[in-house]
């Protein structure tokens, strides 16, 4: 499944793509794997580390060969592996003031009930 980059793969090296996890450029002799789902090319060591599979999209299925047409396929107008580091987006934080207001109202009601029955 892994492919070793040779002189025949200079077209790929000239694309100046980088491993999406290590951000290292590819060189002759590197052992790489192509993800079938996102067409991302990764170093074999990265593919094998941790849970085996693509660290970019999470797929565990690798492409059987190193096909130029398959790899150069463009997704959403941008070529895979051209971008910089993977950006992790965080969920928006919920606003807490409604919860504090409800808690304060409940506390005030409890205090008023206690004072009323004393």
N, C-alpha and C. Protein backbone atom coordinates (compact mmCIF):
# COMPACT_ATOMS: atom_id res chain seq x y z
N UNK A 1 0.81 -1.19 0.00
CA UNK A 1 0.00 0.00 0.00
C UNK A 1 0.86 1.26 0.00
N UNK A 2 1.97 1.24 0.72
CA UNK A 2 2.83 2.41 0.75
C UNK A 2 3.60 2.51 -0.56
N UNK A 3 3.96 3.72 -0.92
CA UNK A 3 4.70 3.98 -2.15
C UNK A 3 5.98 4.72 -1.79
N UNK A 4 7.09 4.31 -2.36
CA UNK A 4 8.37 5.00 -2.13
C UNK A 4 8.58 5.97 -3.28
N UNK A 5 8.81 7.24 -2.93
CA UNK A 5 8.99 8.28 -3.95
C UNK A 5 10.32 8.08 -4.68
N UNK A 6 10.25 8.01 -6.01
CA UNK A 6 11.43 7.81 -6.85
C UNK A 6 11.56 8.97 -7.83
N UNK A 7 12.54 8.88 -8.72
CA UNK A 7 12.74 9.92 -9.74
C UNK A 7 11.49 10.12 -10.59
N UNK A 8 10.72 9.07 -10.81
CA UNK A 8 9.48 9.17 -11.59
C UNK A 8 8.44 10.05 -10.90
N UNK A 9 8.61 10.29 -9.61
CA UNK A 9 7.63 11.07 -8.84
C UNK A 9 8.07 12.52 -8.62
N UNK A 10 9.03 12.99 -9.43
CA UNK A 10 9.47 14.39 -9.30
C UNK A 10 8.33 15.37 -9.52
N UNK A 11 7.34 14.99 -10.35
CA UNK A 11 6.18 15.84 -10.57
C UNK A 11 5.48 16.14 -9.25
N UNK A 12 5.46 15.14 -8.34
CA UNK A 12 4.81 15.32 -7.04
C UNK A 12 5.69 16.17 -6.12
N UNK A 13 6.97 15.90 -6.11
CA UNK A 13 7.87 16.66 -5.26
C UNK A 13 7.88 18.13 -5.69
N UNK A 14 7.78 18.37 -7.01
CA UNK A 14 7.76 19.75 -7.52
C UNK A 14 6.50 20.51 -7.11
N UNK A 15 5.45 19.80 -6.71
CA UNK A 15 4.23 20.47 -6.24
C UNK A 15 4.44 21.14 -4.89
N UNK A 16 5.52 20.81 -4.22
CA UNK A 16 5.88 21.37 -2.92
C UNK A 16 4.81 21.12 -1.87
N UNK A 17 4.23 19.94 -1.90
CA UNK A 17 3.25 19.58 -0.89
C UNK A 17 3.95 19.16 0.38
N UNK A 18 3.21 19.22 1.48
CA UNK A 18 3.78 18.87 2.78
C UNK A 18 2.87 17.87 3.47
N UNK A 19 3.46 17.08 4.34
CA UNK A 19 2.66 16.17 5.15
C UNK A 19 1.75 17.02 6.04
N UNK A 20 0.44 16.72 6.10
CA UNK A 20 -0.48 17.58 6.84
C UNK A 20 -0.27 17.57 8.35
N UNK A 21 0.45 16.62 8.87
CA UNK A 21 0.67 16.56 10.31
C UNK A 21 2.05 17.08 10.69
N UNK A 22 3.10 16.59 10.02
CA UNK A 22 4.46 17.01 10.37
C UNK A 22 4.87 18.30 9.68
N UNK A 23 4.16 18.66 8.60
CA UNK A 23 4.45 19.86 7.80
C UNK A 23 5.83 19.81 7.16
N UNK A 24 6.33 18.59 6.97
CA UNK A 24 7.62 18.40 6.29
C UNK A 24 7.36 18.17 4.81
N UNK A 25 8.23 18.74 3.98
CA UNK A 25 8.13 18.52 2.54
C UNK A 25 8.53 17.09 2.20
N UNK A 26 8.02 16.60 1.08
CA UNK A 26 8.35 15.24 0.66
C UNK A 26 9.65 15.24 -0.14
N UNK A 27 10.42 14.15 0.00
CA UNK A 27 11.70 14.02 -0.69
C UNK A 27 11.78 12.63 -1.32
N UNK A 28 12.70 12.49 -2.25
CA UNK A 28 12.94 11.18 -2.87
C UNK A 28 13.28 10.18 -1.77
N UNK A 29 12.72 8.99 -1.87
CA UNK A 29 12.98 7.95 -0.89
C UNK A 29 11.96 7.89 0.24
N UNK A 30 11.12 8.93 0.37
CA UNK A 30 10.09 8.91 1.41
C UNK A 30 9.05 7.84 1.08
N UNK A 31 8.60 7.16 2.11
CA UNK A 31 7.53 6.17 1.95
C UNK A 31 6.21 6.88 2.28
N UNK A 32 5.30 6.95 1.31
CA UNK A 32 4.06 7.70 1.47
C UNK A 32 2.84 6.83 1.22
N UNK A 33 1.72 7.30 1.73
CA UNK A 33 0.42 6.65 1.52
C UNK A 33 -0.57 7.73 1.10
N UNK A 34 -1.46 7.38 0.17
CA UNK A 34 -2.48 8.31 -0.29
C UNK A 34 -3.82 7.87 0.30
N UNK A 35 -4.50 8.80 0.98
CA UNK A 35 -5.82 8.52 1.54
C UNK A 35 -6.84 8.45 0.40
N UNK A 36 -7.63 7.41 0.38
CA UNK A 36 -8.63 7.25 -0.67
C UNK A 36 -9.74 8.30 -0.53
N UNK A 37 -10.07 8.69 0.69
CA UNK A 37 -11.19 9.61 0.93
C UNK A 37 -10.86 11.05 0.55
N UNK A 38 -9.76 11.58 1.07
CA UNK A 38 -9.46 13.01 0.85
C UNK A 38 -8.30 13.24 -0.10
N UNK A 39 -7.68 12.17 -0.61
CA UNK A 39 -6.57 12.24 -1.55
C UNK A 39 -5.35 12.95 -0.95
N UNK A 40 -5.25 12.91 0.34
CA UNK A 40 -4.14 13.52 1.06
C UNK A 40 -2.96 12.55 1.04
N UNK A 41 -1.78 13.05 0.75
CA UNK A 41 -0.57 12.23 0.75
C UNK A 41 0.11 12.44 2.10
N UNK A 42 0.39 11.34 2.79
CA UNK A 42 1.02 11.41 4.10
C UNK A 42 2.22 10.48 4.16
N UNK A 43 3.15 10.80 5.02
CA UNK A 43 4.26 9.89 5.27
C UNK A 43 3.72 8.61 5.87
N UNK A 44 4.27 7.49 5.50
CA UNK A 44 3.80 6.20 6.01
C UNK A 44 3.90 6.14 7.52
N UNK A 45 4.96 6.71 8.09
CA UNK A 45 5.12 6.70 9.56
C UNK A 45 3.96 7.41 10.24
N UNK A 46 3.50 8.52 9.64
CA UNK A 46 2.37 9.26 10.21
C UNK A 46 1.10 8.44 10.10
N UNK A 47 0.90 7.81 8.94
CA UNK A 47 -0.29 6.98 8.71
C UNK A 47 -0.36 5.86 9.74
N UNK A 48 0.78 5.25 10.05
CA UNK A 48 0.82 4.10 10.95
C UNK A 48 0.77 4.49 12.42
N UNK A 49 1.09 5.74 12.76
CA UNK A 49 1.15 6.12 14.17
C UNK A 49 -0.25 6.31 14.75
N UNK A 50 -0.38 6.02 16.04
CA UNK A 50 -1.67 6.17 16.71
C UNK A 50 -2.71 5.26 16.07
N UNK A 51 -3.95 5.71 16.02
CA UNK A 51 -4.93 4.89 15.29
C UNK A 51 -4.58 4.95 13.80
N UNK A 52 -4.36 3.80 13.19
CA UNK A 52 -3.94 3.73 11.80
C UNK A 52 -4.97 4.40 10.90
N UNK A 53 -4.47 5.25 10.02
CA UNK A 53 -5.34 5.91 9.06
C UNK A 53 -4.95 7.35 8.82
N UNK A 54 -5.77 8.03 8.05
CA UNK A 54 -5.51 9.42 7.67
C UNK A 54 -5.71 10.33 8.88
N UNK A 55 -4.70 11.08 9.19
CA UNK A 55 -4.79 12.00 10.32
C UNK A 55 -5.46 13.31 9.89
N UNK A 56 -5.70 13.46 8.59
CA UNK A 56 -6.33 14.67 8.06
C UNK A 56 -7.85 14.56 8.09
N UNK A 57 -8.39 13.42 7.61
CA UNK A 57 -9.85 13.28 7.53
C UNK A 57 -10.39 12.15 8.39
N UNK A 58 -9.52 11.28 8.91
CA UNK A 58 -9.97 10.19 9.77
C UNK A 58 -10.26 8.88 9.06
N UNK A 59 -10.17 8.86 7.74
CA UNK A 59 -10.45 7.62 7.00
C UNK A 59 -9.35 6.59 7.25
N UNK A 60 -9.73 5.33 7.20
CA UNK A 60 -8.73 4.27 7.39
C UNK A 60 -8.43 3.55 6.09
N UNK A 61 -8.93 4.08 4.97
CA UNK A 61 -8.77 3.41 3.68
C UNK A 61 -7.75 4.15 2.82
N UNK A 62 -6.71 3.44 2.43
CA UNK A 62 -5.66 4.01 1.59
C UNK A 62 -5.89 3.65 0.14
N UNK A 63 -5.43 4.53 -0.75
CA UNK A 63 -5.51 4.26 -2.18
C UNK A 63 -4.49 3.19 -2.51
N UNK A 64 -4.82 2.33 -3.43
CA UNK A 64 -3.94 1.22 -3.77
C UNK A 64 -2.69 1.61 -4.54
N UNK A 65 -2.72 2.75 -5.23
CA UNK A 65 -1.56 3.12 -6.03
C UNK A 65 -1.32 4.64 -5.95
N UNK A 66 -0.18 5.04 -6.44
CA UNK A 66 0.23 6.44 -6.43
C UNK A 66 -0.09 7.01 -7.81
N UNK A 67 -1.34 7.35 -8.03
CA UNK A 67 -1.83 7.78 -9.33
C UNK A 67 -1.87 9.31 -9.41
N UNK A 68 -1.18 9.87 -10.40
CA UNK A 68 -1.08 11.32 -10.54
C UNK A 68 -2.44 11.99 -10.68
N UNK A 69 -3.32 11.45 -11.52
CA UNK A 69 -4.63 12.04 -11.71
C UNK A 69 -5.46 12.01 -10.42
N UNK A 70 -5.33 10.94 -9.68
CA UNK A 70 -6.07 10.81 -8.42
C UNK A 70 -5.57 11.82 -7.39
N UNK A 71 -4.26 11.97 -7.28
CA UNK A 71 -3.66 12.85 -6.29
C UNK A 71 -3.91 14.32 -6.61
N UNK A 72 -3.86 14.67 -7.90
CA UNK A 72 -4.01 16.07 -8.27
C UNK A 72 -5.46 16.53 -8.32
N UNK A 73 -6.38 15.64 -8.01
CA UNK A 73 -7.79 16.01 -7.99
C UNK A 73 -7.99 17.18 -7.04
N UNK A 74 -8.74 18.16 -7.47
CA UNK A 74 -8.96 19.33 -6.62
C UNK A 74 -10.30 19.24 -5.91
N UNK A 75 -10.29 19.63 -4.66
CA UNK A 75 -11.50 19.64 -3.86
C UNK A 75 -11.79 21.08 -3.46
N UNK A 76 -12.97 21.56 -3.76
CA UNK A 76 -13.40 22.92 -3.44
C UNK A 76 -12.42 23.96 -3.96
N UNK A 77 -11.80 23.73 -5.09
CA UNK A 77 -10.92 24.71 -5.70
C UNK A 77 -9.53 24.77 -5.08
N UNK A 78 -9.26 24.00 -4.05
CA UNK A 78 -7.95 24.04 -3.41
C UNK A 78 -7.35 22.64 -3.45
N UNK A 79 -6.09 22.53 -3.79
CA UNK A 79 -5.43 21.24 -3.84
C UNK A 79 -5.08 20.79 -2.44
N UNK A 80 -5.33 19.53 -2.15
CA UNK A 80 -4.99 18.98 -0.84
C UNK A 80 -3.48 19.12 -0.61
N UNK A 81 -3.08 19.31 0.61
CA UNK A 81 -1.70 19.42 1.08
C UNK A 81 -1.04 20.75 0.71
N UNK A 82 -1.73 21.67 0.07
CA UNK A 82 -1.14 22.97 -0.22
C UNK A 82 -1.27 23.90 0.98
N UNK A 83 -2.29 23.68 1.79
CA UNK A 83 -2.56 24.55 2.92
C UNK A 83 -1.52 24.34 4.02
N UNK A 84 -1.52 25.23 4.96
CA UNK A 84 -0.62 25.14 6.10
C UNK A 84 -1.16 24.14 7.11
N UNK A 85 -0.90 24.39 8.39
CA UNK A 85 -1.33 23.47 9.43
C UNK A 85 -2.85 23.33 9.48
N UNK A 86 -3.29 22.20 9.99
CA UNK A 86 -4.71 21.98 10.16
C UNK A 86 -5.21 22.95 11.23
N UNK A 87 -6.31 23.59 10.94
CA UNK A 87 -6.87 24.53 11.91
C UNK A 87 -8.00 23.85 12.67
N UNK A 88 -7.90 23.90 13.98
CA UNK A 88 -8.93 23.29 14.81
C UNK A 88 -9.85 24.42 15.27
N UNK A 89 -11.10 24.33 14.93
CA UNK A 89 -12.03 25.37 15.34
C UNK A 89 -12.69 24.96 16.65
N UNK A 90 -12.92 25.93 17.48
CA UNK A 90 -13.54 25.68 18.77
C UNK A 90 -15.00 26.09 18.71
N UNK A 91 -15.82 25.36 19.45
CA UNK A 91 -17.22 25.71 19.51
C UNK A 91 -17.39 27.05 20.23
N UNK A 92 -18.42 27.76 19.86
CA UNK A 92 -18.69 29.02 20.55
C UNK A 92 -19.08 28.72 21.98
N UNK A 93 -18.59 29.55 22.88
CA UNK A 93 -18.94 29.38 24.28
C UNK A 93 -20.36 29.88 24.50
N UNK A 94 -21.09 29.15 25.32
CA UNK A 94 -22.44 29.56 25.64
C UNK A 94 -22.38 30.74 26.60
N UNK A 95 -23.33 31.61 26.45
CA UNK A 95 -23.41 32.74 27.38
C UNK A 95 -24.01 32.24 28.69
N UNK A 96 -23.36 32.59 29.78
CA UNK A 96 -23.77 32.08 31.08
C UNK A 96 -24.70 33.00 31.83
N UNK A 97 -24.84 34.25 31.40
CA UNK A 97 -25.63 35.19 32.19
C UNK A 97 -27.08 34.75 32.37
N UNK A 98 -27.74 34.08 31.40
CA UNK A 98 -29.12 33.65 31.68
C UNK A 98 -29.21 32.64 32.83
N UNK A 99 -28.18 31.80 32.94
CA UNK A 99 -28.18 30.82 34.03
C UNK A 99 -27.96 31.49 35.38
N UNK A 100 -27.07 32.48 35.41
CA UNK A 100 -26.84 33.21 36.65
C UNK A 100 -28.08 33.99 37.05
N UNK A 101 -28.77 34.60 36.10
CA UNK A 101 -29.99 35.36 36.39
C UNK A 101 -31.07 34.44 36.95
N UNK A 102 -31.23 33.26 36.36
CA UNK A 102 -32.23 32.32 36.84
C UNK A 102 -31.87 31.83 38.24
N UNK A 103 -30.59 31.58 38.48
CA UNK A 103 -30.15 31.15 39.80
C UNK A 103 -30.36 32.23 40.85
N UNK A 104 -30.07 33.48 40.49
CA UNK A 104 -30.26 34.59 41.42
C UNK A 104 -31.74 34.77 41.73
N UNK A 105 -32.61 34.63 40.73
CA UNK A 105 -34.05 34.76 40.96
C UNK A 105 -34.55 33.65 41.87
N UNK A 106 -34.07 32.42 41.66
CA UNK A 106 -34.48 31.30 42.51
C UNK A 106 -34.00 31.51 43.94
N UNK A 107 -32.78 32.00 44.10
CA UNK A 107 -32.25 32.26 45.44
C UNK A 107 -33.05 33.35 46.14
N UNK A 108 -33.41 34.40 45.43
CA UNK A 108 -34.21 35.49 46.01
C UNK A 108 -35.58 34.96 46.44
N UNK A 109 -36.18 34.10 45.64
CA UNK A 109 -37.48 33.52 45.98
C UNK A 109 -37.38 32.66 47.24
N UNK A 110 -36.32 31.88 47.36
CA UNK A 110 -36.13 31.05 48.55
C UNK A 110 -35.96 31.91 49.79
N UNK A 111 -35.18 32.98 49.69
CA UNK A 111 -34.97 33.88 50.83
C UNK A 111 -36.29 34.52 51.22
N UNK A 112 -37.08 34.96 50.26
CA UNK A 112 -38.38 35.58 50.57
C UNK A 112 -39.32 34.59 51.24
N UNK A 113 -39.34 33.33 50.80
CA UNK A 113 -40.18 32.32 51.42
C UNK A 113 -39.75 32.03 52.85
N UNK A 114 -38.46 31.98 53.08
CA UNK A 114 -37.95 31.74 54.43
C UNK A 114 -38.35 32.89 55.34
N UNK A 115 -38.17 34.14 54.87
CA UNK A 115 -38.54 35.30 55.68
C UNK A 115 -40.03 35.35 55.94
N UNK A 116 -40.84 34.91 54.99
CA UNK A 116 -42.29 34.96 55.13
C UNK A 116 -42.77 34.00 56.20
N UNK A 117 -42.14 32.80 56.26
CA UNK A 117 -42.59 31.81 57.22
C UNK A 117 -41.93 31.95 58.57
N UNK A 118 -41.02 32.87 58.76
CA UNK A 118 -40.41 33.07 60.09
C UNK A 118 -41.24 33.95 60.90
